[in-house]
């Protein structure tokens, strides 16, 4: 993101956001957030988050997280179909529009 002038819209929960703040990447995260390269949207999450969706212009990845909370990036669903990617990005943007950035 720093080298390629990228940006990230992140929809997450308070719990995951707290983990980011406590991680080794928190300084870079805040630096990029301060520059407007990262926008954060927090949802009120009642249950466990068990999905991690990444949408880009070229592909979409869906990670399914185990019930015990273990994140396994070796189990993913990849979609490179342009029509599906456009639909997923529209869905993401529609959901993001219902939230307030932090």
N, C-alpha and C. Protein backbone atom coordinates (compact mmCIF):
# COMPACT_ATOMS: atom_id res chain seq x y z
N UNK A 1 0.82 -1.19 0.00
CA UNK A 1 0.00 0.00 0.00
C UNK A 1 0.86 1.25 0.00
N UNK A 2 1.95 1.20 0.73
CA UNK A 2 2.83 2.37 0.80
C UNK A 2 3.55 2.61 -0.52
N UNK A 3 3.98 1.56 -1.15
CA UNK A 3 4.79 1.69 -2.36
C UNK A 3 3.96 1.79 -3.64
N UNK A 4 2.73 1.31 -3.61
CA UNK A 4 1.92 1.26 -4.82
C UNK A 4 0.72 2.20 -4.78
N UNK A 5 0.72 3.14 -3.86
CA UNK A 5 -0.37 4.09 -3.72
C UNK A 5 -1.73 3.39 -3.61
N UNK A 6 -1.76 2.29 -2.87
CA UNK A 6 -3.00 1.55 -2.67
C UNK A 6 -3.81 2.10 -1.52
N UNK A 7 -5.00 1.55 -1.35
CA UNK A 7 -5.83 1.91 -0.20
C UNK A 7 -6.62 0.68 0.24
N UNK A 8 -7.09 0.73 1.48
CA UNK A 8 -7.81 -0.38 2.08
C UNK A 8 -9.04 0.14 2.79
N UNK A 9 -10.19 -0.41 2.47
CA UNK A 9 -11.41 -0.19 3.26
C UNK A 9 -11.60 -1.46 4.08
N UNK A 10 -11.55 -1.33 5.38
CA UNK A 10 -11.60 -2.47 6.28
C UNK A 10 -12.89 -2.45 7.08
N UNK A 11 -13.70 -3.48 6.91
CA UNK A 11 -14.89 -3.68 7.74
C UNK A 11 -14.53 -4.76 8.74
N UNK A 12 -14.63 -4.42 10.02
CA UNK A 12 -14.18 -5.36 11.05
C UNK A 12 -15.01 -5.16 12.32
N UNK A 13 -14.70 -5.94 13.32
CA UNK A 13 -15.35 -5.80 14.63
C UNK A 13 -14.38 -5.13 15.59
N UNK A 14 -14.89 -4.65 16.72
CA UNK A 14 -14.04 -4.04 17.74
C UNK A 14 -12.99 -5.02 18.24
N UNK A 15 -13.37 -6.28 18.36
CA UNK A 15 -12.42 -7.29 18.87
C UNK A 15 -11.23 -7.43 17.93
N UNK A 16 -11.51 -7.54 16.63
CA UNK A 16 -10.41 -7.67 15.68
C UNK A 16 -9.61 -6.38 15.57
N UNK A 17 -10.28 -5.26 15.67
CA UNK A 17 -9.58 -3.97 15.63
C UNK A 17 -8.64 -3.84 16.82
N UNK A 18 -9.05 -4.27 17.98
CA UNK A 18 -8.19 -4.25 19.17
C UNK A 18 -6.96 -5.14 18.95
N UNK A 19 -7.15 -6.27 18.26
CA UNK A 19 -6.01 -7.14 17.96
C UNK A 19 -5.03 -6.46 17.00
N UNK A 20 -5.54 -5.71 16.05
CA UNK A 20 -4.67 -4.96 15.15
C UNK A 20 -3.88 -3.93 15.95
N UNK A 21 -4.56 -3.22 16.84
CA UNK A 21 -3.89 -2.19 17.64
C UNK A 21 -2.81 -2.79 18.54
N UNK A 22 -2.99 -4.02 18.96
CA UNK A 22 -2.03 -4.67 19.85
C UNK A 22 -0.94 -5.42 19.07
N UNK A 23 -1.04 -5.46 17.76
CA UNK A 23 -0.10 -6.24 16.96
C UNK A 23 1.19 -5.47 16.69
N UNK A 24 2.13 -6.17 16.12
CA UNK A 24 3.41 -5.57 15.76
C UNK A 24 3.28 -4.58 14.60
N UNK A 25 2.13 -4.57 13.94
CA UNK A 25 1.91 -3.71 12.79
C UNK A 25 1.14 -2.43 13.13
N UNK A 26 0.86 -2.20 14.41
CA UNK A 26 -0.01 -1.08 14.78
C UNK A 26 0.54 0.28 14.33
N UNK A 27 1.85 0.47 14.39
CA UNK A 27 2.41 1.77 13.99
C UNK A 27 2.20 2.02 12.49
N UNK A 28 2.47 1.01 11.67
CA UNK A 28 2.25 1.16 10.23
C UNK A 28 0.77 1.34 9.93
N UNK A 29 -0.08 0.60 10.66
CA UNK A 29 -1.52 0.70 10.47
C UNK A 29 -1.99 2.13 10.72
N UNK A 30 -1.59 2.70 11.86
CA UNK A 30 -2.00 4.07 12.20
C UNK A 30 -1.42 5.10 11.24
N UNK A 31 -0.18 4.87 10.79
CA UNK A 31 0.44 5.78 9.83
C UNK A 31 -0.38 5.80 8.53
N UNK A 32 -0.71 4.62 8.02
CA UNK A 32 -1.50 4.54 6.79
C UNK A 32 -2.91 5.05 6.99
N UNK A 33 -3.48 4.79 8.16
CA UNK A 33 -4.83 5.29 8.47
C UNK A 33 -4.80 6.82 8.53
N UNK A 34 -3.77 7.39 9.12
CA UNK A 34 -3.64 8.83 9.21
C UNK A 34 -3.49 9.50 7.85
N UNK A 35 -2.89 8.79 6.90
CA UNK A 35 -2.72 9.32 5.55
C UNK A 35 -3.96 9.07 4.68
N UNK A 36 -4.98 8.43 5.25
CA UNK A 36 -6.19 8.15 4.48
C UNK A 36 -6.08 6.93 3.58
N UNK A 37 -5.03 6.15 3.71
CA UNK A 37 -4.86 4.95 2.90
C UNK A 37 -5.65 3.77 3.46
N UNK A 38 -5.99 3.84 4.73
CA UNK A 38 -6.83 2.82 5.37
C UNK A 38 -8.04 3.52 5.97
N UNK A 39 -9.21 3.06 5.62
CA UNK A 39 -10.46 3.52 6.25
C UNK A 39 -11.05 2.33 6.98
N UNK A 40 -11.43 2.55 8.22
CA UNK A 40 -11.93 1.47 9.08
C UNK A 40 -13.41 1.67 9.36
N UNK A 41 -14.18 0.61 9.20
CA UNK A 41 -15.60 0.59 9.50
C UNK A 41 -15.82 -0.54 10.49
N UNK A 42 -16.43 -0.24 11.64
CA UNK A 42 -16.62 -1.24 12.69
C UNK A 42 -18.09 -1.64 12.75
N UNK A 43 -18.32 -2.95 12.76
CA UNK A 43 -19.67 -3.48 12.91
C UNK A 43 -19.84 -3.97 14.32
N UNK A 44 -21.07 -3.90 14.79
CA UNK A 44 -21.38 -4.50 16.08
C UNK A 44 -21.59 -5.98 15.84
N UNK A 45 -20.71 -6.77 16.37
CA UNK A 45 -20.72 -8.21 16.11
C UNK A 45 -21.22 -8.95 17.33
N UNK A 46 -22.34 -9.64 17.18
CA UNK A 46 -22.89 -10.39 18.28
C UNK A 46 -22.26 -11.74 18.47
N UNK A 47 -21.92 -12.41 17.39
CA UNK A 47 -21.34 -13.74 17.46
C UNK A 47 -19.92 -13.74 16.96
N UNK A 48 -19.45 -14.93 16.66
CA UNK A 48 -18.09 -15.06 16.15
C UNK A 48 -18.01 -14.61 14.70
N UNK A 49 -16.90 -13.99 14.37
CA UNK A 49 -16.62 -13.72 12.97
C UNK A 49 -15.97 -14.97 12.40
N UNK A 50 -16.57 -15.52 11.36
CA UNK A 50 -16.01 -16.75 10.82
C UNK A 50 -15.73 -16.65 9.33
N UNK A 51 -15.64 -15.43 8.82
CA UNK A 51 -15.35 -15.21 7.41
C UNK A 51 -14.40 -14.04 7.28
N UNK A 52 -13.56 -14.13 6.27
CA UNK A 52 -12.64 -13.04 5.96
C UNK A 52 -12.68 -12.88 4.45
N UNK A 53 -13.23 -11.79 3.96
CA UNK A 53 -13.40 -11.56 2.53
C UNK A 53 -12.46 -10.46 2.07
N UNK A 54 -11.72 -10.75 1.03
CA UNK A 54 -10.85 -9.76 0.39
C UNK A 54 -11.37 -9.53 -1.01
N UNK A 55 -11.67 -8.29 -1.35
CA UNK A 55 -12.13 -7.92 -2.69
C UNK A 55 -11.13 -6.95 -3.29
N UNK A 56 -10.67 -7.25 -4.49
CA UNK A 56 -9.80 -6.35 -5.22
C UNK A 56 -10.40 -6.13 -6.61
N UNK A 57 -9.70 -5.41 -7.44
CA UNK A 57 -10.16 -5.20 -8.81
C UNK A 57 -9.98 -6.46 -9.65
N UNK A 58 -9.08 -7.37 -9.23
CA UNK A 58 -8.73 -8.53 -10.05
C UNK A 58 -9.20 -9.88 -9.51
N UNK A 59 -9.49 -9.93 -8.23
CA UNK A 59 -9.91 -11.21 -7.64
C UNK A 59 -10.63 -10.97 -6.32
N UNK A 60 -11.28 -12.02 -5.85
CA UNK A 60 -11.91 -12.02 -4.53
C UNK A 60 -11.50 -13.30 -3.82
N UNK A 61 -11.16 -13.19 -2.57
CA UNK A 61 -10.79 -14.34 -1.75
C UNK A 61 -11.71 -14.41 -0.55
N UNK A 62 -12.18 -15.61 -0.25
CA UNK A 62 -12.99 -15.83 0.94
C UNK A 62 -12.28 -16.87 1.80
N UNK A 63 -11.94 -16.46 3.00
CA UNK A 63 -11.33 -17.36 3.97
C UNK A 63 -12.41 -17.75 4.97
N UNK A 64 -12.51 -19.01 5.27
CA UNK A 64 -13.45 -19.49 6.27
C UNK A 64 -12.67 -19.86 7.52
N UNK A 65 -13.04 -19.27 8.64
CA UNK A 65 -12.32 -19.47 9.89
C UNK A 65 -13.00 -20.58 10.68
N UNK A 66 -12.19 -21.47 11.24
CA UNK A 66 -12.70 -22.60 12.01
C UNK A 66 -13.53 -22.13 13.21
N UNK A 67 -14.43 -22.98 13.68
CA UNK A 67 -15.27 -22.64 14.83
C UNK A 67 -14.45 -22.30 16.07
N UNK A 68 -13.25 -22.87 16.18
CA UNK A 68 -12.41 -22.58 17.35
C UNK A 68 -11.63 -21.27 17.20
N UNK A 69 -11.90 -20.53 16.10
CA UNK A 69 -11.28 -19.23 15.90
C UNK A 69 -9.94 -19.27 15.20
N UNK A 70 -9.49 -20.46 14.83
CA UNK A 70 -8.20 -20.59 14.16
C UNK A 70 -8.34 -20.14 12.71
N UNK A 71 -7.47 -19.25 12.32
CA UNK A 71 -7.43 -18.72 10.96
C UNK A 71 -6.44 -19.56 10.16
N UNK A 72 -6.90 -20.20 9.11
CA UNK A 72 -6.06 -21.07 8.29
C UNK A 72 -6.07 -20.55 6.87
N UNK A 73 -5.01 -19.85 6.47
CA UNK A 73 -5.01 -19.26 5.13
C UNK A 73 -4.71 -20.27 4.03
N UNK A 74 -4.62 -21.54 4.37
CA UNK A 74 -4.45 -22.56 3.33
C UNK A 74 -5.80 -23.03 2.78
N UNK A 75 -6.89 -22.61 3.42
CA UNK A 75 -8.23 -22.99 2.97
C UNK A 75 -8.95 -21.72 2.52
N UNK A 76 -8.95 -21.49 1.20
CA UNK A 76 -9.56 -20.29 0.67
C UNK A 76 -10.40 -20.61 -0.56
N UNK A 77 -11.33 -19.74 -0.83
CA UNK A 77 -12.09 -19.79 -2.07
C UNK A 77 -11.65 -18.59 -2.90
N UNK A 78 -11.19 -18.84 -4.11
CA UNK A 78 -10.69 -17.80 -5.00
C UNK A 78 -11.64 -17.64 -6.16
N UNK A 79 -11.96 -16.38 -6.48
CA UNK A 79 -12.81 -16.10 -7.62
C UNK A 79 -12.12 -15.04 -8.46
N UNK A 80 -11.88 -15.36 -9.73
CA UNK A 80 -11.24 -14.42 -10.64
C UNK A 80 -12.16 -14.00 -11.78
N UNK A 81 -13.42 -14.40 -11.71
CA UNK A 81 -14.40 -14.04 -12.74
C UNK A 81 -14.77 -12.57 -12.57
N UNK A 82 -14.53 -11.75 -13.61
CA UNK A 82 -14.75 -10.31 -13.54
C UNK A 82 -16.17 -9.94 -13.11
N UNK A 83 -17.16 -10.66 -13.63
CA UNK A 83 -18.55 -10.37 -13.29
C UNK A 83 -18.81 -10.60 -11.80
N UNK A 84 -18.30 -11.70 -11.27
CA UNK A 84 -18.48 -11.99 -9.85
C UNK A 84 -17.72 -11.00 -8.97
N UNK A 85 -16.54 -10.61 -9.40
CA UNK A 85 -15.74 -9.65 -8.64
C UNK A 85 -16.47 -8.32 -8.55
N UNK A 86 -17.04 -7.87 -9.65
CA UNK A 86 -17.81 -6.63 -9.64
C UNK A 86 -19.00 -6.71 -8.68
N UNK A 87 -19.69 -7.84 -8.68
CA UNK A 87 -20.84 -8.02 -7.79
C UNK A 87 -20.39 -8.02 -6.33
N UNK A 88 -19.30 -8.70 -6.03
CA UNK A 88 -18.80 -8.73 -4.65
C UNK A 88 -18.35 -7.35 -4.20
N UNK A 89 -17.70 -6.61 -5.07
CA UNK A 89 -17.29 -5.25 -4.71
C UNK A 89 -18.49 -4.34 -4.48
N UNK A 90 -19.53 -4.50 -5.29
CA UNK A 90 -20.76 -3.71 -5.09
C UNK A 90 -21.42 -4.09 -3.76
N UNK A 91 -21.44 -5.38 -3.44
CA UNK A 91 -22.00 -5.83 -2.17
C UNK A 91 -21.20 -5.25 -1.01
N UNK A 92 -19.88 -5.31 -1.10
CA UNK A 92 -19.00 -4.76 -0.07
C UNK A 92 -19.27 -3.27 0.10
N UNK A 93 -19.33 -2.52 -1.01
CA UNK A 93 -19.56 -1.08 -0.94
C UNK A 93 -20.93 -0.75 -0.37
N UNK A 94 -21.94 -1.54 -0.72
CA UNK A 94 -23.29 -1.31 -0.19
C UNK A 94 -23.31 -1.50 1.32
N UNK A 95 -22.64 -2.55 1.79
CA UNK A 95 -22.60 -2.80 3.22
C UNK A 95 -21.80 -1.71 3.92
N UNK A 96 -20.67 -1.33 3.33
CA UNK A 96 -19.82 -0.28 3.91
C UNK A 96 -20.58 1.03 4.03
N UNK A 97 -21.46 1.31 3.07
CA UNK A 97 -22.23 2.56 3.09
C UNK A 97 -23.21 2.63 4.25
N UNK A 98 -23.51 1.51 4.88
CA UNK A 98 -24.42 1.51 6.04
C UNK A 98 -23.68 1.78 7.34
N UNK A 99 -22.36 1.87 7.29
CA UNK A 99 -21.51 2.02 8.48
C UNK A 99 -20.84 3.39 8.48
N UNK A 100 -20.41 3.83 9.64
CA UNK A 100 -19.67 5.09 9.77
C UNK A 100 -18.19 4.77 9.92
N UNK A 101 -17.34 5.44 9.14
CA UNK A 101 -15.89 5.18 9.31
C UNK A 101 -15.41 5.73 10.64
N UNK A 102 -14.37 5.11 11.17
CA UNK A 102 -13.76 5.57 12.42
C UNK A 102 -12.46 6.27 12.14
